[in-house]
N, C-alpha and C. Protein backbone atom coordinates (compact mmCIF):
# COMPACT_ATOMS: atom_id res chain seq x y z
N UNK A 1 20.18 -177.84 28.62
CA UNK A 1 20.71 -177.27 30.11
C UNK A 1 19.80 -176.06 30.40
N UNK A 2 19.91 -176.05 31.61
CA UNK A 2 19.27 -175.04 32.90
C UNK A 2 20.12 -174.33 33.54
N UNK A 3 20.06 -173.39 34.16
CA UNK A 3 20.46 -172.40 35.28
C UNK A 3 20.96 -173.63 36.05
N UNK A 4 19.88 -174.10 36.97
CA UNK A 4 20.56 -175.01 38.12
C UNK A 4 21.01 -176.07 37.59
N UNK A 5 21.62 -176.14 36.28
CA UNK A 5 22.55 -177.58 36.48
C UNK A 5 24.02 -177.11 36.75
N UNK A 6 24.05 -176.02 36.72
CA UNK A 6 25.64 -175.10 37.11
C UNK A 6 25.77 -174.37 38.24
N UNK A 7 24.13 -174.55 38.88
CA UNK A 7 24.35 -173.61 39.99
C UNK A 7 23.80 -173.61 41.30
N UNK A 8 23.74 -172.94 42.07
CA UNK A 8 23.03 -172.99 43.63
C UNK A 8 22.21 -171.75 43.32
N UNK A 9 21.10 -171.42 43.97
CA UNK A 9 20.56 -170.40 43.64
C UNK A 9 19.71 -169.97 45.08
N UNK A 10 19.05 -169.12 45.74
CA UNK A 10 18.75 -168.13 46.33
C UNK A 10 18.28 -166.97 46.58
N UNK A 11 16.64 -167.12 47.34
CA UNK A 11 16.08 -165.70 46.68
C UNK A 11 15.90 -165.12 48.12
N UNK A 12 15.79 -163.55 47.94
CA UNK A 12 15.10 -162.57 49.05
C UNK A 12 14.56 -161.77 48.77
N UNK A 13 13.95 -160.72 49.62
CA UNK A 13 13.28 -159.35 49.22
C UNK A 13 13.59 -158.24 50.18
N UNK A 14 12.97 -157.37 49.58
CA UNK A 14 13.14 -155.93 50.26
C UNK A 14 11.74 -155.16 49.69
N UNK A 15 10.89 -155.15 50.63
CA UNK A 15 9.87 -154.19 49.81
C UNK A 15 9.25 -154.73 48.13
N UNK A 16 9.39 -154.10 47.10
CA UNK A 16 8.73 -154.62 46.01
C UNK A 16 10.32 -155.10 44.96
N UNK A 17 10.98 -155.02 45.65
CA UNK A 17 12.48 -155.57 44.96
C UNK A 17 12.52 -157.11 45.29
N UNK A 18 12.99 -157.86 44.35
CA UNK A 18 13.45 -159.74 44.75
C UNK A 18 14.61 -159.62 44.23
N UNK A 19 15.87 -160.40 44.98
CA UNK A 19 16.91 -160.20 44.63
C UNK A 19 17.36 -162.15 44.78
N UNK A 20 17.95 -162.65 44.04
CA UNK A 20 18.56 -163.87 43.58
C UNK A 20 19.60 -163.99 43.58
N UNK A 21 20.60 -164.86 44.28
CA UNK A 21 21.87 -165.17 44.28
C UNK A 21 21.97 -166.39 43.47
N UNK A 22 22.83 -166.12 42.49
CA UNK A 22 23.31 -167.69 41.81
C UNK A 22 24.83 -167.68 41.93
N UNK A 23 25.04 -169.02 42.66
CA UNK A 23 26.65 -169.32 42.94
C UNK A 23 26.52 -170.81 42.00
N UNK A 24 27.70 -170.67 41.18
CA UNK A 24 28.43 -171.20 40.05
C UNK A 24 28.73 -172.34 40.81
N UNK A 25 28.64 -173.39 40.57
CA UNK A 25 29.45 -174.97 41.17
C UNK A 25 30.60 -174.83 40.92
N UNK A 26 31.66 -174.20 39.85
CA UNK A 26 32.86 -174.18 39.98
C UNK A 26 33.04 -172.64 38.67
N UNK A 27 34.08 -172.94 38.68
CA UNK A 27 34.85 -171.76 37.68
C UNK A 27 34.34 -171.87 36.07
N UNK A 28 34.45 -172.72 35.39
CA UNK A 28 33.63 -172.86 34.76
C UNK A 28 32.51 -173.02 34.26
N UNK A 29 31.37 -173.28 35.21
CA UNK A 29 30.23 -173.16 35.20
C UNK A 29 29.94 -171.27 35.11
N UNK A 30 30.78 -170.63 36.32
CA UNK A 30 30.64 -169.43 36.22
C UNK A 30 31.11 -168.61 35.08
N UNK A 31 31.99 -168.97 34.63
CA UNK A 31 32.23 -168.59 33.10
C UNK A 31 31.08 -168.49 32.13
N UNK A 32 30.29 -169.58 31.53
CA UNK A 32 29.15 -170.27 31.18
C UNK A 32 27.80 -169.23 31.60
N UNK A 33 27.74 -169.10 33.01
CA UNK A 33 26.63 -167.98 33.50
C UNK A 33 27.00 -166.80 33.20
N UNK A 34 27.92 -166.10 33.04
CA UNK A 34 28.39 -165.00 33.20
C UNK A 34 27.71 -164.20 31.77
N UNK A 35 28.40 -165.51 30.64
CA UNK A 35 27.47 -164.78 29.12
C UNK A 35 25.82 -165.51 28.92
N UNK A 36 25.13 -166.11 30.13
CA UNK A 36 23.72 -166.17 30.08
C UNK A 36 22.92 -165.60 30.70
N UNK A 37 23.76 -165.44 32.10
CA UNK A 37 22.44 -164.12 32.74
C UNK A 37 22.79 -162.90 32.40
N UNK A 38 22.27 -162.33 31.51
CA UNK A 38 22.15 -161.01 31.12
C UNK A 38 20.59 -160.09 31.27
N UNK A 39 20.29 -158.91 31.87
CA UNK A 39 19.32 -158.71 31.82
C UNK A 39 18.22 -158.90 31.20
N UNK A 40 18.45 -158.88 29.88
CA UNK A 40 17.58 -159.29 28.59
C UNK A 40 16.83 -160.50 29.03
N UNK A 41 18.08 -161.44 29.21
CA UNK A 41 17.62 -162.78 28.77
C UNK A 41 17.08 -163.17 30.21
N UNK A 42 17.16 -162.61 31.20
CA UNK A 42 16.41 -162.84 32.63
C UNK A 42 15.12 -162.17 32.11
N UNK A 43 15.00 -160.98 31.86
CA UNK A 43 13.43 -160.37 31.79
C UNK A 43 12.65 -161.21 30.51
N UNK A 44 13.13 -161.79 29.92
CA UNK A 44 12.36 -162.69 29.08
C UNK A 44 11.97 -163.71 29.69
N UNK A 45 12.77 -164.14 30.42
CA UNK A 45 12.34 -165.77 30.42
C UNK A 45 11.24 -165.48 32.17
N UNK A 46 11.80 -164.15 32.65
CA UNK A 46 10.71 -163.71 34.14
C UNK A 46 9.53 -163.63 33.29
N UNK A 47 9.12 -162.91 32.63
CA UNK A 47 8.04 -162.13 31.88
C UNK A 47 7.46 -161.27 32.60
N UNK A 48 6.25 -161.67 32.48
CA UNK A 48 5.15 -160.24 33.77
C UNK A 48 5.63 -160.32 35.21
N UNK A 49 6.26 -161.61 35.65
CA UNK A 49 6.39 -161.52 36.93
C UNK A 49 7.35 -160.37 37.49
N UNK A 50 8.30 -159.60 36.53
CA UNK A 50 9.15 -158.77 36.74
C UNK A 50 8.41 -157.32 36.11
N UNK A 51 8.16 -156.14 36.61
CA UNK A 51 7.55 -155.12 36.10
C UNK A 51 8.82 -154.00 35.50
N UNK A 52 10.04 -154.09 36.54
CA UNK A 52 10.47 -153.18 36.17
C UNK A 52 11.96 -153.55 35.89
N UNK A 53 13.37 -152.89 36.26
CA UNK A 53 14.76 -153.00 35.48
C UNK A 53 15.54 -154.38 36.13
N UNK A 54 16.36 -155.10 35.69
CA UNK A 54 16.68 -155.92 36.26
C UNK A 54 18.71 -155.67 36.63
N UNK A 55 18.90 -155.39 37.24
CA UNK A 55 20.43 -155.62 37.39
C UNK A 55 21.10 -157.20 38.01
N UNK A 56 21.95 -157.05 37.11
CA UNK A 56 23.09 -158.17 37.59
C UNK A 56 24.24 -157.61 37.80
N UNK A 57 24.60 -158.01 39.29
CA UNK A 57 25.80 -157.36 39.74
C UNK A 57 27.01 -159.32 39.44
N UNK A 58 28.30 -159.07 38.90
CA UNK A 58 28.93 -160.49 38.57
C UNK A 58 29.93 -160.08 40.14
N UNK A 59 29.83 -161.08 40.68
CA UNK A 59 30.83 -161.25 41.94
C UNK A 59 32.17 -162.28 41.16
N UNK A 60 32.70 -162.08 40.80
CA UNK A 60 33.94 -162.89 40.36
C UNK A 60 34.85 -163.48 41.49
N UNK A 61 35.11 -162.77 42.53
CA UNK A 61 35.59 -163.45 43.60
C UNK A 61 34.96 -164.26 44.32
N UNK A 62 33.81 -164.73 43.95
CA UNK A 62 32.88 -165.88 44.85
C UNK A 62 32.25 -166.42 44.30
N UNK A 63 32.55 -166.52 42.74
CA UNK A 63 32.13 -167.14 41.71
C UNK A 63 30.53 -167.34 41.32
N UNK A 64 29.50 -166.03 41.68
CA UNK A 64 28.57 -165.55 42.02
C UNK A 64 27.95 -163.73 41.31
N UNK A 65 26.63 -164.59 41.41
CA UNK A 65 25.70 -163.34 40.98
C UNK A 65 24.70 -162.44 41.53
N UNK A 66 24.83 -161.93 41.90
CA UNK A 66 23.46 -161.10 42.70
C UNK A 66 22.32 -160.47 41.56
N UNK A 67 21.39 -160.51 41.54
CA UNK A 67 20.33 -160.60 40.60
C UNK A 67 19.26 -159.61 40.93
N UNK A 68 19.17 -158.53 40.89
CA UNK A 68 18.41 -157.55 41.65
C UNK A 68 17.23 -157.12 40.68
N UNK A 69 15.85 -157.51 40.92
CA UNK A 69 14.63 -157.47 40.39
C UNK A 69 14.00 -156.75 40.92
N UNK A 70 13.68 -155.41 40.53
CA UNK A 70 12.64 -154.43 40.63
C UNK A 70 11.30 -154.39 40.03
N UNK A 71 10.35 -153.94 41.24
CA UNK A 71 9.19 -154.00 40.35
C UNK A 71 8.69 -155.78 40.78
N UNK A 72 8.97 -156.74 41.58
CA UNK A 72 9.18 -158.13 41.00
C UNK A 72 8.20 -158.82 42.39
N UNK A 73 7.72 -158.27 43.44
CA UNK A 73 6.63 -158.60 44.17
C UNK A 73 5.37 -157.75 44.20
N UNK A 74 4.86 -157.25 43.57
CA UNK A 74 3.70 -156.86 43.23
C UNK A 74 3.62 -155.92 44.38
N UNK A 75 4.30 -155.16 44.83
CA UNK A 75 4.34 -153.95 45.62
C UNK A 75 4.97 -154.29 47.06
N UNK A 76 5.14 -155.56 47.54
CA UNK A 76 5.75 -156.05 48.35
C UNK A 76 4.95 -156.97 49.27
N UNK A 77 5.96 -157.51 50.04
CA UNK A 77 5.06 -158.69 51.00
C UNK A 77 3.80 -158.23 51.86
N UNK A 78 3.92 -156.93 52.48
CA UNK A 78 2.30 -156.60 53.01
C UNK A 78 1.60 -155.96 52.53
N UNK A 79 1.78 -155.79 51.02
CA UNK A 79 1.08 -155.04 50.01
C UNK A 79 0.51 -155.63 48.88
N UNK A 80 0.93 -156.93 48.58
CA UNK A 80 0.53 -157.66 47.12
C UNK A 80 -0.51 -158.53 47.92
N UNK A 81 -1.14 -159.28 46.88
CA UNK A 81 -2.05 -160.19 46.91
C UNK A 81 -1.53 -161.27 46.36
N UNK A 82 -0.24 -161.44 45.89
CA UNK A 82 0.55 -162.75 45.19
C UNK A 82 0.79 -163.76 46.50
N UNK A 83 0.57 -164.93 45.48
CA UNK A 83 0.46 -165.99 46.39
C UNK A 83 2.12 -166.10 47.34
N UNK A 84 2.52 -165.97 46.57
CA UNK A 84 4.30 -165.88 47.02
C UNK A 84 4.73 -164.25 47.56
N UNK A 85 4.34 -163.84 48.42
CA UNK A 85 4.35 -162.27 48.74
C UNK A 85 5.76 -161.86 49.06
N UNK A 86 6.65 -162.95 49.02
CA UNK A 86 8.28 -162.67 49.54
C UNK A 86 9.54 -163.01 48.46
N UNK A 87 8.48 -163.59 47.58
CA UNK A 87 9.79 -164.00 46.40
C UNK A 87 10.47 -164.79 46.71
N UNK A 88 10.02 -165.76 47.42
CA UNK A 88 10.48 -167.29 47.50
C UNK A 88 10.94 -168.15 46.45
N UNK A 89 9.83 -167.82 45.78
CA UNK A 89 9.79 -168.88 44.04
C UNK A 89 10.91 -168.46 43.27
N UNK A 90 11.04 -167.21 43.52
CA UNK A 90 11.93 -166.28 42.08
C UNK A 90 12.87 -166.83 42.12
N UNK A 91 13.77 -168.10 42.74
CA UNK A 91 14.75 -168.58 42.56
C UNK A 91 14.76 -169.58 41.66
N UNK A 92 13.52 -170.05 42.09
CA UNK A 92 13.22 -171.77 41.87
C UNK A 92 12.80 -171.15 40.12
N UNK A 93 12.39 -170.24 39.74
CA UNK A 93 12.17 -170.08 38.44
C UNK A 93 13.29 -169.69 37.55
N UNK A 94 13.87 -168.33 38.27
CA UNK A 94 15.54 -168.44 37.41
C UNK A 94 16.36 -169.70 37.04
N UNK A 95 16.15 -170.48 38.20
CA UNK A 95 17.39 -171.83 37.96
C UNK A 95 16.59 -172.50 36.62
N UNK A 96 15.40 -172.22 36.53
CA UNK A 96 14.84 -173.10 35.72
C UNK A 96 15.03 -172.61 34.44
N UNK A 97 15.27 -171.37 33.95
CA UNK A 97 15.55 -170.46 32.87
C UNK A 97 17.02 -171.58 31.93
N UNK A 98 16.11 -172.14 30.40
CA UNK A 98 17.21 -172.90 29.85
C UNK A 98 18.25 -171.78 29.34
N UNK A 99 19.57 -172.35 29.01
CA UNK A 99 20.48 -171.92 28.48
C UNK A 99 20.93 -172.52 27.37
N UNK A 100 21.60 -171.28 26.52
CA UNK A 100 21.71 -171.27 25.03
C UNK A 100 22.62 -172.87 24.63
N UNK A 101 22.53 -173.31 23.56
CA UNK A 101 23.45 -174.33 23.29
C UNK A 101 24.26 -174.29 21.88
N UNK A 102 25.28 -174.47 21.75
CA UNK A 102 26.24 -174.43 20.74
C UNK A 102 26.62 -172.99 19.86
N UNK A 103 26.50 -173.10 18.75
CA UNK A 103 26.04 -171.71 18.08
C UNK A 103 25.63 -171.01 18.37
N UNK A 104 24.58 -170.63 19.12
CA UNK A 104 24.01 -169.59 19.68
C UNK A 104 24.31 -169.12 20.85
N UNK A 105 25.34 -169.62 21.81
CA UNK A 105 26.26 -169.50 22.65
C UNK A 105 27.02 -168.33 21.98
N UNK A 106 27.87 -168.24 21.26
CA UNK A 106 29.30 -167.86 20.36
C UNK A 106 28.31 -165.96 20.06
């Protein structure tokens, strides 16, 4: 199971900061994602794409998360040589993050 099985995602950018909103499909999905979308787990999944810290803002009233990744766009859209200068693929990459199974979840 992956993040995209439980949610919808959308990404945006501002300078060298990428943000991804993860909107859970329902309350159960939100609870599960709250256990999985930890800064350390996201950093491990994103690897070298994100050079700075990652902050996760839970929004329980919306059953969503805003994930802010600093140092994620190679300097920003007007400075980077990356193919995806505005980080639109960041939501796809994050949505493919595998979720833990069974006992590993506890």
